[in-house]
Amino acid sequence: MICRLRQTFFGLSEKYTESVYEQFFYLKYYGGWSFTEAYNLPIKLREWFVNKLTEQLKMEKDEMDKVTRDTKNFQK
């Protein structure tokens, strides 16, 4: 007999698994981490690094936007 109910009480949900892989990608793409390094981090430490990387990239983007704005104003 086949059970047609989705298993939600064993293992991780698809949504959670995807969010973890998103964190791995983010750390790999923007932070230069290897998959193994990201995978072996404790969850809270991995989340901390993702948050810090997000803050850093936002700060760099804001600085670049400011320089671009200042350059445009200077050229006028």
PDB file of N, CA and C in Angstrom:
ATOM      1  N   MET A   1       0.842  -1.178   0.000  1.00  0.00           N
ATOM      2  CA  MET A   1       0.000   0.000   0.000  1.00  0.00           C
ATOM      3  C   MET A   1       0.885   1.239   0.000  1.00  0.00           C
ATOM      4  N   ILE A   2       0.547   2.229  -0.809  1.00  0.00           N
ATOM      5  CA  ILE A   2       1.313   3.455  -0.936  1.00  0.00           C
ATOM      6  C   ILE A   2       0.611   4.558  -0.150  1.00  0.00           C
ATOM      7  N   CYS A   3       1.380   5.224   0.675  1.00  0.00           N
ATOM      8  CA  CYS A   3       0.848   6.351   1.440  1.00  0.00           C
ATOM      9  C   CYS A   3       0.987   7.622   0.601  1.00  0.00           C
ATOM     10  N   ARG A   4      -0.102   8.335   0.406  1.00  0.00           N
ATOM     11  CA  ARG A   4      -0.091   9.529  -0.431  1.00  0.00           C
ATOM     12  C   ARG A   4       0.176  10.809   0.368  1.00  0.00           C
ATOM     13  N   LEU A   5       0.326  10.706   1.668  1.00  0.00           N
ATOM     14  CA  LEU A   5       0.626  11.886   2.478  1.00  0.00           C
ATOM     15  C   LEU A   5       2.106  12.214   2.382  1.00  0.00           C
ATOM     16  N   ARG A   6       2.403  13.503   2.356  1.00  0.00           N
ATOM     17  CA  ARG A   6       3.806  13.925   2.349  1.00  0.00           C
ATOM     18  C   ARG A   6       4.409  13.691   3.722  1.00  0.00           C
ATOM     19  N   GLN A   7       5.640  13.225   3.724  1.00  0.00           N
ATOM     20  CA  GLN A   7       6.336  13.049   4.992  1.00  0.00           C
ATOM     21  C   GLN A   7       6.890  14.392   5.426  1.00  0.00           C
ATOM     22  N   THR A   8       6.411  14.894   6.538  1.00  0.00           N
ATOM     23  CA  THR A   8       6.897  16.171   7.053  1.00  0.00           C
ATOM     24  C   THR A   8       7.551  16.004   8.413  1.00  0.00           C
ATOM     25  N   PHE A   9       7.522  14.817   8.958  1.00  0.00           N
ATOM     26  CA  PHE A   9       8.058  14.627  10.297  1.00  0.00           C
ATOM     27  C   PHE A   9       9.394  13.899  10.302  1.00  0.00           C
ATOM     28  N   PHE A  10       9.889  13.460   9.159  1.00  0.00           N
ATOM     29  CA  PHE A  10      11.208  12.850   9.067  1.00  0.00           C
ATOM     30  C   PHE A  10      12.083  13.718   8.169  1.00  0.00           C
ATOM     31  N   GLY A  11      13.248  14.025   8.628  1.00  0.00           N
ATOM     32  CA  GLY A  11      14.181  14.787   7.797  1.00  0.00           C
ATOM     33  C   GLY A  11      13.846  16.258   7.724  1.00  0.00           C
ATOM     34  N   LEU A  12      14.506  16.927   6.821  1.00  0.00           N
ATOM     35  CA  LEU A  12      14.337  18.363   6.658  1.00  0.00           C
ATOM     36  C   LEU A  12      13.347  18.649   5.534  1.00  0.00           C
ATOM     37  N   SER A  13      12.633  19.755   5.673  1.00  0.00           N
ATOM     38  CA  SER A  13      11.691  20.131   4.621  1.00  0.00           C
ATOM     39  C   SER A  13      12.467  20.595   3.392  1.00  0.00           C
ATOM     40  N   GLU A  14      11.809  20.567   2.251  1.00  0.00           N
ATOM     41  CA  GLU A  14      12.444  21.016   1.010  1.00  0.00           C
ATOM     42  C   GLU A  14      12.806  22.494   1.093  1.00  0.00           C
ATOM     43  N   LYS A  15      11.942  23.275   1.721  1.00  0.00           N
ATOM     44  CA  LYS A  15      12.184  24.715   1.853  1.00  0.00           C
ATOM     45  C   LYS A  15      13.442  24.974   2.692  1.00  0.00           C
ATOM     46  N   TYR A  16      13.585  24.263   3.805  1.00  0.00           N
ATOM     47  CA  TYR A  16      14.762  24.436   4.657  1.00  0.00           C
ATOM     48  C   TYR A  16      16.022  23.988   3.923  1.00  0.00           C
ATOM     49  N   THR A  17      15.956  22.852   3.259  1.00  0.00           N
ATOM     50  CA  THR A  17      17.110  22.341   2.520  1.00  0.00           C
ATOM     51  C   THR A  17      17.541  23.340   1.453  1.00  0.00           C
ATOM     52  N   GLU A  18      16.586  23.914   0.744  1.00  0.00           N
ATOM     53  CA  GLU A  18      16.913  24.911  -0.279  1.00  0.00           C
ATOM     54  C   GLU A  18      17.562  26.142   0.342  1.00  0.00           C
ATOM     55  N   SER A  19      17.068  26.572   1.504  1.00  0.00           N
ATOM     56  CA  SER A  19      17.662  27.753   2.141  1.00  0.00           C
ATOM     57  C   SER A  19      19.100  27.470   2.587  1.00  0.00           C
ATOM     58  N   VAL A  20      19.381  26.253   3.026  1.00  0.00           N
ATOM     59  CA  VAL A  20      20.750  25.880   3.408  1.00  0.00           C
ATOM     60  C   VAL A  20      21.654  25.890   2.180  1.00  0.00           C
ATOM     61  N   TYR A  21      21.173  25.348   1.072  1.00  0.00           N
ATOM     62  CA  TYR A  21      21.974  25.360  -0.156  1.00  0.00           C
ATOM     63  C   TYR A  21      22.176  26.780  -0.674  1.00  0.00           C
ATOM     64  N   GLU A  22      21.191  27.645  -0.463  1.00  0.00           N
ATOM     65  CA  GLU A  22      21.354  29.058  -0.829  1.00  0.00           C
ATOM     66  C   GLU A  22      22.495  29.678  -0.012  1.00  0.00           C
ATOM     67  N   GLN A  23      22.552  29.331   1.278  1.00  0.00           N
ATOM     68  CA  GLN A  23      23.641  29.831   2.114  1.00  0.00           C
ATOM     69  C   GLN A  23      24.981  29.308   1.629  1.00  0.00           C
ATOM     70  N   PHE A  24      25.043  28.036   1.257  1.00  0.00           N
ATOM     71  CA  PHE A  24      26.283  27.465   0.721  1.00  0.00           C
ATOM     72  C   PHE A  24      26.719  28.218  -0.536  1.00  0.00           C
ATOM     73  N   PHE A  25      25.764  28.443  -1.444  1.00  0.00           N
ATOM     74  CA  PHE A  25      26.068  29.156  -2.682  1.00  0.00           C
ATOM     75  C   PHE A  25      26.587  30.559  -2.379  1.00  0.00           C
ATOM     76  N   TYR A  26      25.908  31.241  -1.489  1.00  0.00           N
ATOM     77  CA  TYR A  26      26.264  32.610  -1.117  1.00  0.00           C
ATOM     78  C   TYR A  26      27.682  32.663  -0.562  1.00  0.00           C
ATOM     79  N   LEU A  27      27.997  31.761   0.359  1.00  0.00           N
ATOM     80  CA  LEU A  27      29.341  31.723   0.935  1.00  0.00           C
ATOM     81  C   LEU A  27      30.389  31.363  -0.108  1.00  0.00           C
ATOM     82  N   LYS A  28      30.040  30.473  -1.020  1.00  0.00           N
ATOM     83  CA  LYS A  28      30.969  30.064  -2.075  1.00  0.00           C
ATOM     84  C   LYS A  28      31.174  31.183  -3.086  1.00  0.00           C
ATOM     85  N   TYR A  29      30.096  31.769  -3.565  1.00  0.00           N
ATOM     86  CA  TYR A  29      30.158  32.750  -4.637  1.00  0.00           C
ATOM     87  C   TYR A  29      30.760  34.077  -4.173  1.00  0.00           C
ATOM     88  N   TYR A  30      30.283  34.592  -3.056  1.00  0.00           N
ATOM     89  CA  TYR A  30      30.725  35.907  -2.597  1.00  0.00           C
ATOM     90  C   TYR A  30      31.849  35.843  -1.571  1.00  0.00           C
ATOM     91  N   GLY A  31      31.945  34.740  -0.841  1.00  0.00           N
ATOM     92  CA  GLY A  31      32.924  34.657   0.233  1.00  0.00           C
ATOM     93  C   GLY A  31      34.142  33.808  -0.068  1.00  0.00           C
ATOM     94  N   GLY A  32      34.102  33.070  -1.168  1.00  0.00           N
ATOM     95  CA  GLY A  32      35.243  32.236  -1.535  1.00  0.00           C
ATOM     96  C   GLY A  32      35.392  30.968  -0.707  1.00  0.00           C
ATOM     97  N   TRP A  33      34.336  30.569  -0.008  1.00  0.00           N
ATOM     98  CA  TRP A  33      34.373  29.352   0.799  1.00  0.00           C
ATOM     99  C   TRP A  33      34.230  28.141  -0.125  1.00  0.00           C
ATOM    100  N   SER A  34      34.763  27.011   0.305  1.00  0.00           N
ATOM    101  CA  SER A  34      34.494  25.765  -0.410  1.00  0.00           C
ATOM    102  C   SER A  34      33.185  25.183   0.115  1.00  0.00           C
ATOM    103  N   PHE A  35      32.586  24.295  -0.653  1.00  0.00           N
ATOM    104  CA  PHE A  35      31.355  23.653  -0.208  1.00  0.00           C
ATOM    105  C   PHE A  35      31.586  22.915   1.108  1.00  0.00           C
ATOM    106  N   THR A  36      32.714  22.227   1.204  1.00  0.00           N
ATOM    107  CA  THR A  36      33.023  21.452   2.414  1.00  0.00           C
ATOM    108  C   THR A  36      33.169  22.356   3.626  1.00  0.00           C
ATOM    109  N   GLU A  37      33.821  23.494   3.458  1.00  0.00           N
ATOM    110  CA  GLU A  37      33.972  24.430   4.575  1.00  0.00           C
ATOM    111  C   GLU A  37      32.614  24.921   5.057  1.00  0.00           C
ATOM    112  N   ALA A  38      31.763  25.325   4.133  1.00  0.00           N
ATOM    113  CA  ALA A  38      30.432  25.815   4.496  1.00  0.00           C
ATOM    114  C   ALA A  38      29.590  24.704   5.115  1.00  0.00           C
ATOM    115  N   TYR A  39      29.677  23.513   4.550  1.00  0.00           N
ATOM    116  CA  TYR A  39      28.890  22.371   5.027  1.00  0.00           C
ATOM    117  C   TYR A  39      29.268  21.992   6.453  1.00  0.00           C
ATOM    118  N   ASN A  40      30.544  22.076   6.778  1.00  0.00           N
ATOM    119  CA  ASN A  40      31.018  21.638   8.088  1.00  0.00           C
ATOM    120  C   ASN A  40      30.894  22.688   9.186  1.00  0.00           C
ATOM    121  N   LEU A  41      30.475  23.901   8.837  1.00  0.00           N
ATOM    122  CA  LEU A  41      30.280  24.918   9.864  1.00  0.00           C
ATOM    123  C   LEU A  41      29.057  24.582  10.718  1.00  0.00           C
ATOM    124  N   PRO A  42      29.140  24.843  12.004  1.00  0.00           N
ATOM    125  CA  PRO A  42      27.921  24.737  12.825  1.00  0.00           C
ATOM    126  C   PRO A  42      26.873  25.728  12.292  1.00  0.00           C
ATOM    127  N   ILE A  43      25.621  25.383  12.419  1.00  0.00           N
ATOM    128  CA  ILE A  43      24.532  26.163  11.830  1.00  0.00           C
ATOM    129  C   ILE A  43      24.583  27.626  12.252  1.00  0.00           C
ATOM    130  N   LYS A  44      24.678  27.895  13.538  1.00  0.00           N
ATOM    131  CA  LYS A  44      24.666  29.275  14.024  1.00  0.00           C
ATOM    132  C   LYS A  44      25.866  30.056  13.510  1.00  0.00           C
ATOM    133  N   LEU A  45      27.020  29.422  13.427  1.00  0.00           N
ATOM    134  CA  LEU A  45      28.213  30.084  12.915  1.00  0.00           C
ATOM    135  C   LEU A  45      28.066  30.366  11.415  1.00  0.00           C
ATOM    136  N   ARG A  46      27.496  29.419  10.671  1.00  0.00           N
ATOM    137  CA  ARG A  46      27.254  29.627   9.244  1.00  0.00           C
ATOM    138  C   ARG A  46      26.293  30.790   9.031  1.00  0.00           C
ATOM    139  N   GLU A  47      25.244  30.849   9.829  1.00  0.00           N
ATOM    140  CA  GLU A  47      24.285  31.946   9.719  1.00  0.00           C
ATOM    141  C   GLU A  47      24.947  33.279  10.056  1.00  0.00           C
ATOM    142  N   TRP A  48      25.835  33.284  11.056  1.00  0.00           N
ATOM    143  CA  TRP A  48      26.545  34.500  11.430  1.00  0.00           C
ATOM    144  C   TRP A  48      27.400  34.986  10.256  1.00  0.00           C
ATOM    145  N   PHE A  49      28.142  34.083   9.620  1.00  0.00           N
ATOM    146  CA  PHE A  49      28.975  34.456   8.482  1.00  0.00           C
ATOM    147  C   PHE A  49      28.123  34.977   7.317  1.00  0.00           C
ATOM    148  N   VAL A  50      26.994  34.352   7.059  1.00  0.00           N
ATOM    149  CA  VAL A  50      26.112  34.807   5.986  1.00  0.00           C
ATOM    150  C   VAL A  50      25.612  36.214   6.293  1.00  0.00           C
ATOM    151  N   ASN A  51      25.205  36.454   7.530  1.00  0.00           N
ATOM    152  CA  ASN A  51      24.725  37.787   7.913  1.00  0.00           C
ATOM    153  C   ASN A  51      25.827  38.834   7.808  1.00  0.00           C
ATOM    154  N   LYS A  52      27.030  38.511   8.270  1.00  0.00           N
ATOM    155  CA  LYS A  52      28.146  39.446   8.189  1.00  0.00           C
ATOM    156  C   LYS A  52      28.510  39.735   6.739  1.00  0.00           C
ATOM    157  N   LEU A  53      28.509  38.708   5.905  1.00  0.00           N
ATOM    158  CA  LEU A  53      28.813  38.889   4.491  1.00  0.00           C
ATOM    159  C   LEU A  53      27.760  39.781   3.836  1.00  0.00           C
ATOM    160  N   THR A  54      26.495  39.586   4.193  1.00  0.00           N
ATOM    161  CA  THR A  54      25.417  40.421   3.676  1.00  0.00           C
ATOM    162  C   THR A  54      25.619  41.873   4.075  1.00  0.00           C
ATOM    163  N   GLU A  55      25.943  42.102   5.347  1.00  0.00           N
ATOM    164  CA  GLU A  55      26.189  43.466   5.825  1.00  0.00           C
ATOM    165  C   GLU A  55      27.360  44.104   5.082  1.00  0.00           C
ATOM    166  N   GLN A  56      28.440  43.356   4.906  1.00  0.00           N
ATOM    167  CA  GLN A  56      29.624  43.869   4.230  1.00  0.00           C
ATOM    168  C   GLN A  56      29.332  44.239   2.782  1.00  0.00           C
ATOM    169  N   LEU A  57      28.633  43.361   2.075  1.00  0.00           N
ATOM    170  CA  LEU A  57      28.312  43.634   0.674  1.00  0.00           C
ATOM    171  C   LEU A  57      27.385  44.835   0.547  1.00  0.00           C
ATOM    172  N   LYS A  58      26.441  44.977   1.483  1.00  0.00           N
ATOM    173  CA  LYS A  58      25.544  46.131   1.466  1.00  0.00           C
ATOM    174  C   LYS A  58      26.331  47.409   1.721  1.00  0.00           C
ATOM    175  N   MET A  59      27.256  47.371   2.679  1.00  0.00           N
ATOM    176  CA  MET A  59      28.070  48.534   2.987  1.00  0.00           C
ATOM    177  C   MET A  59      28.924  48.931   1.770  1.00  0.00           C
ATOM    178  N   GLU A  60      29.519  47.948   1.104  1.00  0.00           N
ATOM    179  CA  GLU A  60      30.322  48.229  -0.084  1.00  0.00           C
ATOM    180  C   GLU A  60      29.469  48.818  -1.204  1.00  0.00           C
ATOM    181  N   LYS A  61      28.265  48.289  -1.373  1.00  0.00           N
ATOM    182  CA  LYS A  61      27.363  48.812  -2.406  1.00  0.00           C
ATOM    183  C   LYS A  61      26.980  50.253  -2.091  1.00  0.00           C
ATOM    184  N   ASP A  62      26.667  50.540  -0.829  1.00  0.00           N
ATOM    185  CA  ASP A  62      26.314  51.899  -0.430  1.00  0.00           C
ATOM    186  C   ASP A  62      27.465  52.867  -0.690  1.00  0.00           C
ATOM    187  N   GLU A  63      28.680  52.449  -0.396  1.00  0.00           N
ATOM    188  CA  GLU A  63      29.853  53.288  -0.647  1.00  0.00           C
ATOM    189  C   GLU A  63      30.041  53.542  -2.142  1.00  0.00           C
ATOM    190  N   MET A  64      29.863  52.505  -2.944  1.00  0.00           N
ATOM    191  CA  MET A  64      29.990  52.658  -4.397  1.00  0.00           C
ATOM    192  C   MET A  64      28.908  53.600  -4.930  1.00  0.00           C
ATOM    193  N   ASP A  65      27.693  53.478  -4.416  1.00  0.00           N
ATOM    194  CA  ASP A  65      26.606  54.366  -4.828  1.00  0.00           C
ATOM    195  C   ASP A  65      26.931  55.811  -4.451  1.00  0.00           C
ATOM    196  N   LYS A  66      27.484  55.995  -3.266  1.00  0.00           N
ATOM    197  CA  LYS A  66      27.847  57.337  -2.809  1.00  0.00           C
ATOM    198  C   LYS A  66      28.921  57.939  -3.708  1.00  0.00           C
ATOM    199  N   VAL A  67      29.945  57.173  -4.041  1.00  0.00           N
ATOM    200  CA  VAL A  67      31.012  57.661  -4.917  1.00  0.00           C
ATOM    201  C   VAL A  67      30.451  57.998  -6.293  1.00  0.00           C
ATOM    202  N   THR A  68      29.590  57.155  -6.807  1.00  0.00           N
ATOM    203  CA  THR A  68      28.979  57.398  -8.112  1.00  0.00           C
ATOM    204  C   THR A  68      28.162  58.681  -8.086  1.00  0.00           C
ATOM    205  N   ARG A  69      27.368  58.873  -7.034  1.00  0.00           N
ATOM    206  CA  ARG A  69      26.563  60.085  -6.887  1.00  0.00           C
ATOM    207  C   ARG A  69      27.461  61.315  -6.797  1.00  0.00           C
ATOM    208  N   ASP A  70      28.509  61.232  -5.960  1.00  0.00           N
ATOM    209  CA  ASP A  70      29.422  62.362  -5.790  1.00  0.00           C
ATOM    210  C   ASP A  70      30.134  62.695  -7.092  1.00  0.00           C
ATOM    211  N   THR A  71      30.505  61.684  -7.863  1.00  0.00           N
ATOM    212  CA  THR A  71      31.182  61.891  -9.145  1.00  0.00           C
ATOM    213  C   THR A  71      30.250  62.573 -10.129  1.00  0.00           C
ATOM    214  N   LYS A  72      29.005  62.146 -10.169  1.00  0.00           N
ATOM    215  CA  LYS A  72      28.027  62.772 -11.071  1.00  0.00           C
ATOM    216  C   LYS A  72      27.795  64.216 -10.685  1.00  0.00           C
ATOM    217  N   ASN A  73      27.700  64.512  -9.388  1.00  0.00           N
ATOM    218  CA  ASN A  73      27.488  65.883  -8.915  1.00  0.00           C
ATOM    219  C   ASN A  73      28.715  66.742  -9.205  1.00  0.00           C
ATOM    220  N   PHE A  74      29.896  66.196  -9.101  1.00  0.00           N
ATOM    221  CA  PHE A  74      31.123  66.925  -9.345  1.00  0.00           C
ATOM    222  C   PHE A  74      31.276  67.297 -10.809  1.00  0.00           C
ATOM    223  N   GLN A  75      30.821  66.429 -11.701  1.00  0.00           N
ATOM    224  CA  GLN A  75      30.974  66.654 -13.132  1.00  0.00           C
ATOM    225  C   GLN A  75      30.023  67.716 -13.662  1.00  0.00           C
ATOM    226  N   LYS A  76      28.994  68.027 -12.943  1.00  0.00           N
ATOM    227  CA  LYS A  76      27.991  69.005 -13.413  1.00  0.00           C
ATOM    228  C   LYS A  76      28.504  70.405 -13.331  1.00  0.00           C
TER     229      LYS A  76
END
